[in-house]
Amino acid sequence: MRPDLDAVIAGLPGVMGALKLEAEERKARVAAKAALHIETGEFIAGLKVRRHSKGYAIINMDPLAAHKNWGGWNERAGRHVDGIHAMEAALW
């Protein structure tokens, strides 16, 4: 038996295609949840599906994505602002 058999199977076109489809579906769930909280559209526009060695990942290119998703201190408002927690929609 090959010690790298799992890596070989994971890299097969059919497997990668299924993983990409799943990632795209999960990205759509993130976008749907984020749409409920849209102000500028930058969070949704920043959503990308990127291939890596083991499959696909949903990333956000918006430089403020972490603050928008998880919340944080807002200097202008002088208070903590809740996040939209849209990225978590990719988990279920």
PDB file of N, CA and C in Angstrom:
ATOM      1  N   MET A   1       0.847  -1.187   0.000  1.00  0.00           N
ATOM      2  CA  MET A   1       0.000   0.000   0.000  1.00  0.00           C
ATOM      3  C   MET A   1       0.889   1.246   0.000  1.00  0.00           C
ATOM      4  N   ARG A   2       0.473   2.243  -0.736  1.00  0.00           N
ATOM      5  CA  ARG A   2       1.232   3.496  -0.828  1.00  0.00           C
ATOM      6  C   ARG A   2       0.988   4.351   0.407  1.00  0.00           C
ATOM      7  N   PRO A   3       2.032   4.877   1.022  1.00  0.00           N
ATOM      8  CA  PRO A   3       1.841   5.731   2.199  1.00  0.00           C
ATOM      9  C   PRO A   3       1.197   7.074   1.857  1.00  0.00           C
ATOM     10  N   ASP A   4       1.260   7.466   0.568  1.00  0.00           N
ATOM     11  CA  ASP A   4       0.670   8.743   0.154  1.00  0.00           C
ATOM     12  C   ASP A   4      -0.653   8.558  -0.587  1.00  0.00           C
ATOM     13  N   LEU A   5      -1.279   7.400  -0.423  1.00  0.00           N
ATOM     14  CA  LEU A   5      -2.504   7.094  -1.156  1.00  0.00           C
ATOM     15  C   LEU A   5      -3.609   8.113  -0.882  1.00  0.00           C
ATOM     16  N   ASP A   6      -3.747   8.575   0.356  1.00  0.00           N
ATOM     17  CA  ASP A   6      -4.770   9.573   0.663  1.00  0.00           C
ATOM     18  C   ASP A   6      -4.535  10.871  -0.100  1.00  0.00           C
ATOM     19  N   ALA A   7      -3.289  11.284  -0.230  1.00  0.00           N
ATOM     20  CA  ALA A   7      -2.974  12.508  -0.976  1.00  0.00           C
ATOM     21  C   ALA A   7      -3.236  12.321  -2.466  1.00  0.00           C
ATOM     22  N   VAL A   8      -2.930  11.140  -2.986  1.00  0.00           N
ATOM     23  CA  VAL A   8      -3.184  10.861  -4.401  1.00  0.00           C
ATOM     24  C   VAL A   8      -4.675  10.912  -4.685  1.00  0.00           C
ATOM     25  N   ILE A   9      -5.473  10.260  -3.850  1.00  0.00           N
ATOM     26  CA  ILE A   9      -6.920  10.247  -4.035  1.00  0.00           C
ATOM     27  C   ILE A   9      -7.497  11.648  -3.877  1.00  0.00           C
ATOM     28  N   ALA A  10      -7.019  12.387  -2.889  1.00  0.00           N
ATOM     29  CA  ALA A  10      -7.527  13.748  -2.647  1.00  0.00           C
ATOM     30  C   ALA A  10      -7.276  14.661  -3.836  1.00  0.00           C
ATOM     31  N   GLY A  11      -6.232  14.399  -4.597  1.00  0.00           N
ATOM     32  CA  GLY A  11      -5.906  15.249  -5.722  1.00  0.00           C
ATOM     33  C   GLY A  11      -6.564  14.853  -7.037  1.00  0.00           C
ATOM     34  N   LEU A  12      -7.343  13.788  -7.050  1.00  0.00           N
ATOM     35  CA  LEU A  12      -8.004  13.362  -8.279  1.00  0.00           C
ATOM     36  C   LEU A  12      -9.002  14.413  -8.743  1.00  0.00           C
ATOM     37  N   PRO A  13      -9.124  14.609 -10.063  1.00  0.00           N
ATOM     38  CA  PRO A  13     -10.025  15.641 -10.576  1.00  0.00           C
ATOM     39  C   PRO A  13     -11.458  15.536 -10.055  1.00  0.00           C
ATOM     40  N   GLY A  14     -11.992  14.347  -9.950  1.00  0.00           N
ATOM     41  CA  GLY A  14     -13.361  14.189  -9.449  1.00  0.00           C
ATOM     42  C   GLY A  14     -13.510  14.635  -8.009  1.00  0.00           C
ATOM     43  N   VAL A  15     -12.511  14.329  -7.215  1.00  0.00           N
ATOM     44  CA  VAL A  15     -12.531  14.725  -5.800  1.00  0.00           C
ATOM     45  C   VAL A  15     -12.404  16.241  -5.694  1.00  0.00           C
ATOM     46  N   MET A  16     -11.459  16.804  -6.429  1.00  0.00           N
ATOM     47  CA  MET A  16     -11.271  18.252  -6.381  1.00  0.00           C
ATOM     48  C   MET A  16     -12.511  18.976  -6.899  1.00  0.00           C
ATOM     49  N   GLY A  17     -13.163  18.429  -7.918  1.00  0.00           N
ATOM     50  CA  GLY A  17     -14.391  19.033  -8.431  1.00  0.00           C
ATOM     51  C   GLY A  17     -15.491  19.043  -7.390  1.00  0.00           C
ATOM     52  N   ALA A  18     -15.625  17.944  -6.664  1.00  0.00           N
ATOM     53  CA  ALA A  18     -16.638  17.864  -5.608  1.00  0.00           C
ATOM     54  C   ALA A  18     -16.324  18.842  -4.482  1.00  0.00           C
ATOM     55  N   LEU A  19     -15.046  18.957  -4.137  1.00  0.00           N
ATOM     56  CA  LEU A  19     -14.656  19.900  -3.088  1.00  0.00           C
ATOM     57  C   LEU A  19     -14.911  21.340  -3.512  1.00  0.00           C
ATOM     58  N   LYS A  20     -14.636  21.655  -4.780  1.00  0.00           N
ATOM     59  CA  LYS A  20     -14.880  23.022  -5.254  1.00  0.00           C
ATOM     60  C   LYS A  20     -16.367  23.334  -5.234  1.00  0.00           C
ATOM     61  N   LEU A  21     -17.190  22.401  -5.679  1.00  0.00           N
ATOM     62  CA  LEU A  21     -18.638  22.605  -5.665  1.00  0.00           C
ATOM     63  C   LEU A  21     -19.133  22.855  -4.243  1.00  0.00           C
ATOM     64  N   GLU A  22     -18.651  22.078  -3.304  1.00  0.00           N
ATOM     65  CA  GLU A  22     -19.040  22.260  -1.898  1.00  0.00           C
ATOM     66  C   GLU A  22     -18.608  23.631  -1.389  1.00  0.00           C
ATOM     67  N   ALA A  23     -17.383  24.034  -1.723  1.00  0.00           N
ATOM     68  CA  ALA A  23     -16.890  25.350  -1.287  1.00  0.00           C
ATOM     69  C   ALA A  23     -17.727  26.476  -1.887  1.00  0.00           C
ATOM     70  N   GLU A  24     -18.114  26.363  -3.149  1.00  0.00           N
ATOM     71  CA  GLU A  24     -18.939  27.391  -3.794  1.00  0.00           C
ATOM     72  C   GLU A  24     -20.319  27.476  -3.127  1.00  0.00           C
ATOM     73  N   GLU A  25     -20.886  26.326  -2.782  1.00  0.00           N
ATOM     74  CA  GLU A  25     -22.188  26.315  -2.101  1.00  0.00           C
ATOM     75  C   GLU A  25     -22.085  26.971  -0.727  1.00  0.00           C
ATOM     76  N   ARG A  26     -21.013  26.686  -0.013  1.00  0.00           N
ATOM     77  CA  ARG A  26     -20.821  27.290   1.309  1.00  0.00           C
ATOM     78  C   ARG A  26     -20.565  28.787   1.199  1.00  0.00           C
ATOM     79  N   LYS A  27     -19.837  29.204   0.162  1.00  0.00           N
ATOM     80  CA  LYS A  27     -19.616  30.634  -0.078  1.00  0.00           C
ATOM     81  C   LYS A  27     -20.952  31.334  -0.303  1.00  0.00           C
ATOM     82  N   ALA A  28     -21.861  30.688  -1.015  1.00  0.00           N
ATOM     83  CA  ALA A  28     -23.181  31.280  -1.256  1.00  0.00           C
ATOM     84  C   ALA A  28     -23.940  31.475   0.055  1.00  0.00           C
ATOM     85  N   ARG A  29     -23.779  30.545   0.999  1.00  0.00           N
ATOM     86  CA  ARG A  29     -24.433  30.703   2.307  1.00  0.00           C
ATOM     87  C   ARG A  29     -23.853  31.891   3.067  1.00  0.00           C
ATOM     88  N   VAL A  30     -22.533  32.074   2.975  1.00  0.00           N
ATOM     89  CA  VAL A  30     -21.892  33.224   3.627  1.00  0.00           C
ATOM     90  C   VAL A  30     -22.426  34.518   3.021  1.00  0.00           C
ATOM     91  N   ALA A  31     -22.486  34.570   1.696  1.00  0.00           N
ATOM     92  CA  ALA A  31     -22.973  35.776   1.012  1.00  0.00           C
ATOM     93  C   ALA A  31     -24.421  36.070   1.379  1.00  0.00           C
ATOM     94  N   ALA A  32     -25.239  35.035   1.483  1.00  0.00           N
ATOM     95  CA  ALA A  32     -26.651  35.240   1.844  1.00  0.00           C
ATOM     96  C   ALA A  32     -26.776  35.826   3.245  1.00  0.00           C
ATOM     97  N   LYS A  33     -25.989  35.307   4.182  1.00  0.00           N
ATOM     98  CA  LYS A  33     -26.053  35.848   5.542  1.00  0.00           C
ATOM     99  C   LYS A  33     -25.501  37.266   5.585  1.00  0.00           C
ATOM    100  N   ALA A  34     -24.424  37.524   4.849  1.00  0.00           N
ATOM    101  CA  ALA A  34     -23.830  38.868   4.828  1.00  0.00           C
ATOM    102  C   ALA A  34     -24.771  39.873   4.178  1.00  0.00           C
ATOM    103  N   ALA A  35     -25.586  39.428   3.244  1.00  0.00           N
ATOM    104  CA  ALA A  35     -26.507  40.327   2.544  1.00  0.00           C
ATOM    105  C   ALA A  35     -27.512  40.965   3.500  1.00  0.00           C
ATOM    106  N   LEU A  36     -27.747  40.328   4.619  1.00  0.00           N
ATOM    107  CA  LEU A  36     -28.670  40.881   5.610  1.00  0.00           C
ATOM    108  C   LEU A  36     -28.082  42.112   6.306  1.00  0.00           C
ATOM    109  N   HIS A  37     -26.782  42.292   6.193  1.00  0.00           N
ATOM    110  CA  HIS A  37     -26.090  43.354   6.931  1.00  0.00           C
ATOM    111  C   HIS A  37     -25.299  44.278   6.010  1.00  0.00           C
ATOM    112  N   ILE A  38     -25.640  44.323   4.765  1.00  0.00           N
ATOM    113  CA  ILE A  38     -24.820  45.022   3.769  1.00  0.00           C
ATOM    114  C   ILE A  38     -24.882  46.535   3.932  1.00  0.00           C
ATOM    115  N   GLU A  39     -23.726  47.172   3.839  1.00  0.00           N
ATOM    116  CA  GLU A  39     -23.642  48.632   3.805  1.00  0.00           C
ATOM    117  C   GLU A  39     -22.916  49.060   2.545  1.00  0.00           C
ATOM    118  N   THR A  40     -21.729  48.485   2.320  1.00  0.00           N
ATOM    119  CA  THR A  40     -20.946  48.895   1.157  1.00  0.00           C
ATOM    120  C   THR A  40     -20.843  47.812   0.095  1.00  0.00           C
ATOM    121  N   GLY A  41     -21.055  46.578   0.462  1.00  0.00           N
ATOM    122  CA  GLY A  41     -20.904  45.472  -0.482  1.00  0.00           C
ATOM    123  C   GLY A  41     -19.498  44.918  -0.552  1.00  0.00           C
ATOM    124  N   GLU A  42     -18.559  45.549   0.165  1.00  0.00           N
ATOM    125  CA  GLU A  42     -17.168  45.112   0.099  1.00  0.00           C
ATOM    126  C   GLU A  42     -16.960  43.739   0.721  1.00  0.00           C
ATOM    127  N   PHE A  43     -17.697  43.414   1.761  1.00  0.00           N
ATOM    128  CA  PHE A  43     -17.561  42.110   2.403  1.00  0.00           C
ATOM    129  C   PHE A  43     -17.937  41.004   1.416  1.00  0.00           C
ATOM    130  N   ILE A  44     -19.072  41.134   0.756  1.00  0.00           N
ATOM    131  CA  ILE A  44     -19.520  40.115  -0.201  1.00  0.00           C
ATOM    132  C   ILE A  44     -18.602  40.091  -1.418  1.00  0.00           C
ATOM    133  N   ALA A  45     -18.203  41.250  -1.906  1.00  0.00           N
ATOM    134  CA  ALA A  45     -17.307  41.306  -3.068  1.00  0.00           C
ATOM    135  C   ALA A  45     -15.953  40.667  -2.757  1.00  0.00           C
ATOM    136  N   GLY A  46     -15.564  40.676  -1.486  1.00  0.00           N
ATOM    137  CA  GLY A  46     -14.277  40.105  -1.088  1.00  0.00           C
ATOM    138  C   GLY A  46     -14.277  38.600  -0.965  1.00  0.00           C
ATOM    139  N   LEU A  47     -15.445  37.963  -1.006  1.00  0.00           N
ATOM    140  CA  LEU A  47     -15.517  36.508  -0.870  1.00  0.00           C
ATOM    141  C   LEU A  47     -14.947  35.824  -2.104  1.00  0.00           C
ATOM    142  N   LYS A  48     -14.024  34.894  -1.876  1.00  0.00           N
ATOM    143  CA  LYS A  48     -13.391  34.136  -2.962  1.00  0.00           C
ATOM    144  C   LYS A  48     -13.232  32.687  -2.530  1.00  0.00           C
ATOM    145  N   VAL A  49     -13.272  31.793  -3.505  1.00  0.00           N
ATOM    146  CA  VAL A  49     -12.930  30.392  -3.275  1.00  0.00           C
ATOM    147  C   VAL A  49     -11.571  30.181  -3.904  1.00  0.00           C
ATOM    148  N   ARG A  50     -10.596  29.739  -3.108  1.00  0.00           N
ATOM    149  CA  ARG A  50      -9.228  29.546  -3.579  1.00  0.00           C
ATOM    150  C   ARG A  50      -8.819  28.087  -3.396  1.00  0.00           C
ATOM    151  N   ARG A  51      -8.161  27.569  -4.422  1.00  0.00           N
ATOM    152  CA  ARG A  51      -7.654  26.202  -4.350  1.00  0.00           C
ATOM    153  C   ARG A  51      -6.331  26.197  -3.588  1.00  0.00           C
ATOM    154  N   HIS A  52      -6.142  25.169  -2.793  1.00  0.00           N
ATOM    155  CA  HIS A  52      -4.864  24.942  -2.138  1.00  0.00           C
ATOM    156  C   HIS A  52      -4.539  23.462  -2.275  1.00  0.00           C
ATOM    157  N   SER A  53      -3.470  23.002  -1.703  1.00  0.00           N
ATOM    158  CA  SER A  53      -3.006  21.634  -1.936  1.00  0.00           C
ATOM    159  C   SER A  53      -3.983  20.551  -1.477  1.00  0.00           C
ATOM    160  N   LYS A  54      -4.819  20.839  -0.515  1.00  0.00           N
ATOM    161  CA  LYS A  54      -5.724  19.823   0.023  1.00  0.00           C
ATOM    162  C   LYS A  54      -7.180  20.046  -0.335  1.00  0.00           C
ATOM    163  N   GLY A  55      -7.488  21.040  -1.122  1.00  0.00           N
ATOM    164  CA  GLY A  55      -8.878  21.288  -1.477  1.00  0.00           C
ATOM    165  C   GLY A  55      -9.124  22.751  -1.788  1.00  0.00           C
ATOM    166  N   TYR A  56     -10.165  23.301  -1.207  1.00  0.00           N
ATOM    167  CA  TYR A  56     -10.552  24.688  -1.453  1.00  0.00           C
ATOM    168  C   TYR A  56     -10.858  25.374  -0.135  1.00  0.00           C
ATOM    169  N   ALA A  57     -10.656  26.671  -0.116  1.00  0.00           N
ATOM    170  CA  ALA A  57     -10.936  27.469   1.074  1.00  0.00           C
ATOM    171  C   ALA A  57     -11.751  28.685   0.667  1.00  0.00           C
ATOM    172  N   ILE A  58     -12.622  29.110   1.549  1.00  0.00           N
ATOM    173  CA  ILE A  58     -13.376  30.345   1.354  1.00  0.00           C
ATOM    174  C   ILE A  58     -12.615  31.420   2.110  1.00  0.00           C
ATOM    175  N   ILE A  59     -12.198  32.460   1.390  1.00  0.00           N
ATOM    176  CA  ILE A  59     -11.457  33.555   2.006  1.00  0.00           C
ATOM    177  C   ILE A  59     -12.184  34.863   1.730  1.00  0.00           C
ATOM    178  N   ASN A  60     -11.792  35.898   2.441  1.00  0.00           N
ATOM    179  CA  ASN A  60     -12.372  37.216   2.194  1.00  0.00           C
ATOM    180  C   ASN A  60     -11.241  38.209   2.038  1.00  0.00           C
ATOM    181  N   MET A  61     -11.204  38.868   0.890  1.00  0.00           N
ATOM    182  CA  MET A  61     -10.148  39.815   0.556  1.00  0.00           C
ATOM    183  C   MET A  61     -10.414  41.222   1.103  1.00  0.00           C
ATOM    184  N   ASP A  62     -11.600  41.467   1.647  1.00  0.00           N
ATOM    185  CA  ASP A  62     -11.912  42.763   2.237  1.00  0.00           C
ATOM    186  C   ASP A  62     -10.973  42.976   3.425  1.00  0.00           C
ATOM    187  N   PRO A  63     -10.183  44.057   3.439  1.00  0.00           N
ATOM    188  CA  PRO A  63      -9.254  44.272   4.543  1.00  0.00           C
ATOM    189  C   PRO A  63      -9.937  44.391   5.911  1.00  0.00           C
ATOM    190  N   LEU A  64     -11.211  44.711   5.929  1.00  0.00           N
ATOM    191  CA  LEU A  64     -11.934  44.835   7.195  1.00  0.00           C
ATOM    192  C   LEU A  64     -12.824  43.620   7.475  1.00  0.00           C
ATOM    193  N   ALA A  65     -12.613  42.536   6.745  1.00  0.00           N
ATOM    194  CA  ALA A  65     -13.473  41.355   6.871  1.00  0.00           C
ATOM    195  C   ALA A  65     -13.521  40.815   8.303  1.00  0.00           C
ATOM    196  N   ALA A  66     -12.389  40.722   8.954  1.00  0.00           N
ATOM    197  CA  ALA A  66     -12.369  40.181  10.322  1.00  0.00           C
ATOM    198  C   ALA A  66     -13.182  41.054  11.266  1.00  0.00           C
ATOM    199  N   HIS A  67     -13.032  42.370  11.153  1.00  0.00           N
ATOM    200  CA  HIS A  67     -13.781  43.287  12.019  1.00  0.00           C
ATOM    201  C   HIS A  67     -15.283  43.204  11.726  1.00  0.00           C
ATOM    202  N   LYS A  68     -15.616  43.134  10.458  1.00  0.00           N
ATOM    203  CA  LYS A  68     -17.030  43.054  10.091  1.00  0.00           C
ATOM    204  C   LYS A  68     -17.634  41.731  10.535  1.00  0.00           C
ATOM    205  N   ASN A  69     -16.874  40.649  10.398  1.00  0.00           N
ATOM    206  CA  ASN A  69     -17.412  39.338  10.741  1.00  0.00           C
ATOM    207  C   ASN A  69     -17.499  39.123  12.250  1.00  0.00           C
ATOM    208  N   TRP A  70     -16.430  39.442  12.981  1.00  0.00           N
ATOM    209  CA  TRP A  70     -16.410  39.137  14.418  1.00  0.00           C
ATOM    210  C   TRP A  70     -16.652  40.341  15.313  1.00  0.00           C
ATOM    211  N   GLY A  71     -16.712  41.523  14.738  1.00  0.00           N
ATOM    212  CA  GLY A  71     -16.959  42.705  15.549  1.00  0.00           C
ATOM    213  C   GLY A  71     -15.689  43.237  16.175  1.00  0.00           C
ATOM    214  N   GLY A  72     -15.833  44.290  16.930  1.00  0.00           N
ATOM    215  CA  GLY A  72     -14.683  44.893  17.589  1.00  0.00           C
ATOM    216  C   GLY A  72     -14.994  46.319  18.007  1.00  0.00           C
ATOM    217  N   TRP A  73     -13.969  46.999  18.457  1.00  0.00           N
ATOM    218  CA  TRP A  73     -14.128  48.367  18.942  1.00  0.00           C
ATOM    219  C   TRP A  73     -14.201  49.318  17.755  1.00  0.00           C
ATOM    220  N   ASN A  74     -15.226  50.161  17.739  1.00  0.00           N
ATOM    221  CA  ASN A  74     -15.395  51.166  16.691  1.00  0.00           C
ATOM    222  C   ASN A  74     -15.022  52.516  17.283  1.00  0.00           C
ATOM    223  N   GLU A  75     -13.911  53.077  16.802  1.00  0.00           N
ATOM    224  CA  GLU A  75     -13.419  54.357  17.326  1.00  0.00           C
ATOM    225  C   GLU A  75     -14.418  55.485  17.106  1.00  0.00           C
ATOM    226  N   ARG A  76     -15.001  55.562  15.919  1.00  0.00           N
ATOM    227  CA  ARG A  76     -15.942  56.652  15.619  1.00  0.00           C
ATOM    228  C   ARG A  76     -17.171  56.595  16.513  1.00  0.00           C
ATOM    229  N   ALA A  77     -17.670  55.368  16.749  1.00  0.00           N
ATOM    230  CA  ALA A  77     -18.863  55.225  17.586  1.00  0.00           C
ATOM    231  C   ALA A  77     -18.514  55.249  19.070  1.00  0.00           C
ATOM    232  N   GLY A  78     -17.252  54.964  19.391  1.00  0.00           N
ATOM    233  CA  GLY A  78     -16.835  54.937  20.783  1.00  0.00           C
ATOM    234  C   GLY A  78     -17.426  53.768  21.551  1.00  0.00           C
ATOM    235  N   ARG A  79     -17.664  52.669  20.851  1.00  0.00           N
ATOM    236  CA  ARG A  79     -18.254  51.492  21.508  1.00  0.00           C
ATOM    237  C   ARG A  79     -17.921  50.226  20.723  1.00  0.00           C
ATOM    238  N   HIS A  80     -18.206  49.102  21.352  1.00  0.00           N
ATOM    239  CA  HIS A  80     -18.036  47.811  20.699  1.00  0.00           C
ATOM    240  C   HIS A  80     -19.168  47.619  19.697  1.00  0.00           C
ATOM    241  N   VAL A  81     -18.834  47.118  18.528  1.00  0.00           N
ATOM    242  CA  VAL A  81     -19.830  46.842  17.491  1.00  0.00           C
ATOM    243  C   VAL A  81     -19.859  45.336  17.254  1.00  0.00           C
ATOM    244  N   ASP A  82     -21.047  44.762  17.282  1.00  0.00           N
ATOM    245  CA  ASP A  82     -21.178  43.326  17.041  1.00  0.00           C
ATOM    246  C   ASP A  82     -20.831  42.988  15.599  1.00  0.00           C
ATOM    247  N   GLY A  83     -20.296  41.799  15.399  1.00  0.00           N
ATOM    248  CA  GLY A  83     -19.992  41.320  14.066  1.00  0.00           C
ATOM    249  C   GLY A  83     -21.220  40.673  13.433  1.00  0.00           C
ATOM    250  N   ILE A  84     -21.133  40.441  12.130  1.00  0.00           N
ATOM    251  CA  ILE A  84     -22.265  39.834  11.431  1.00  0.00           C
ATOM    252  C   ILE A  84     -22.189  38.311  11.447  1.00  0.00           C
ATOM    253  N   HIS A  85     -21.053  37.745  11.752  1.00  0.00           N
ATOM    254  CA  HIS A  85     -20.830  36.297  11.860  1.00  0.00           C
ATOM    255  C   HIS A  85     -21.308  35.554  10.606  1.00  0.00           C
ATOM    256  N   ALA A  86     -21.011  36.128   9.444  1.00  0.00           N
ATOM    257  CA  ALA A  86     -21.404  35.511   8.179  1.00  0.00           C
ATOM    258  C   ALA A  86     -20.500  34.342   7.807  1.00  0.00           C
ATOM    259  N   MET A  87     -19.211  34.425   8.095  1.00  0.00           N
ATOM    260  CA  MET A  87     -18.284  33.353   7.706  1.00  0.00           C
ATOM    261  C   MET A  87     -18.650  32.022   8.371  1.00  0.00           C
ATOM    262  N   GLU A  88     -19.249  32.108   9.547  1.00  0.00           N
ATOM    263  CA  GLU A  88     -19.656  30.900  10.238  1.00  0.00           C
ATOM    264  C   GLU A  88     -20.737  30.139   9.478  1.00  0.00           C
ATOM    265  N   ALA A  89     -21.439  30.810   8.580  1.00  0.00           N
ATOM    266  CA  ALA A  89     -22.476  30.137   7.766  1.00  0.00           C
ATOM    267  C   ALA A  89     -21.858  29.066   6.877  1.00  0.00           C
ATOM    268  N   ALA A  90     -20.576  29.153   6.611  1.00  0.00           N
ATOM    269  CA  ALA A  90     -19.889  28.133   5.793  1.00  0.00           C
ATOM    270  C   ALA A  90     -19.689  26.840   6.568  1.00  0.00           C
ATOM    271  N   LEU A  91     -19.852  26.892   7.867  1.00  0.00           N
ATOM    272  CA  LEU A  91     -19.598  25.704   8.699  1.00  0.00           C
ATOM    273  C   LEU A  91     -20.771  24.741   8.784  1.00  0.00           C
ATOM    274  N   TRP A  92     -21.970  25.197   8.471  1.00  0.00           N
ATOM    275  CA  TRP A  92     -23.140  24.317   8.588  1.00  0.00           C
ATOM    276  C   TRP A  92     -23.831  24.131   7.286  1.00  0.00           C
TER     277      TRP A  92
END
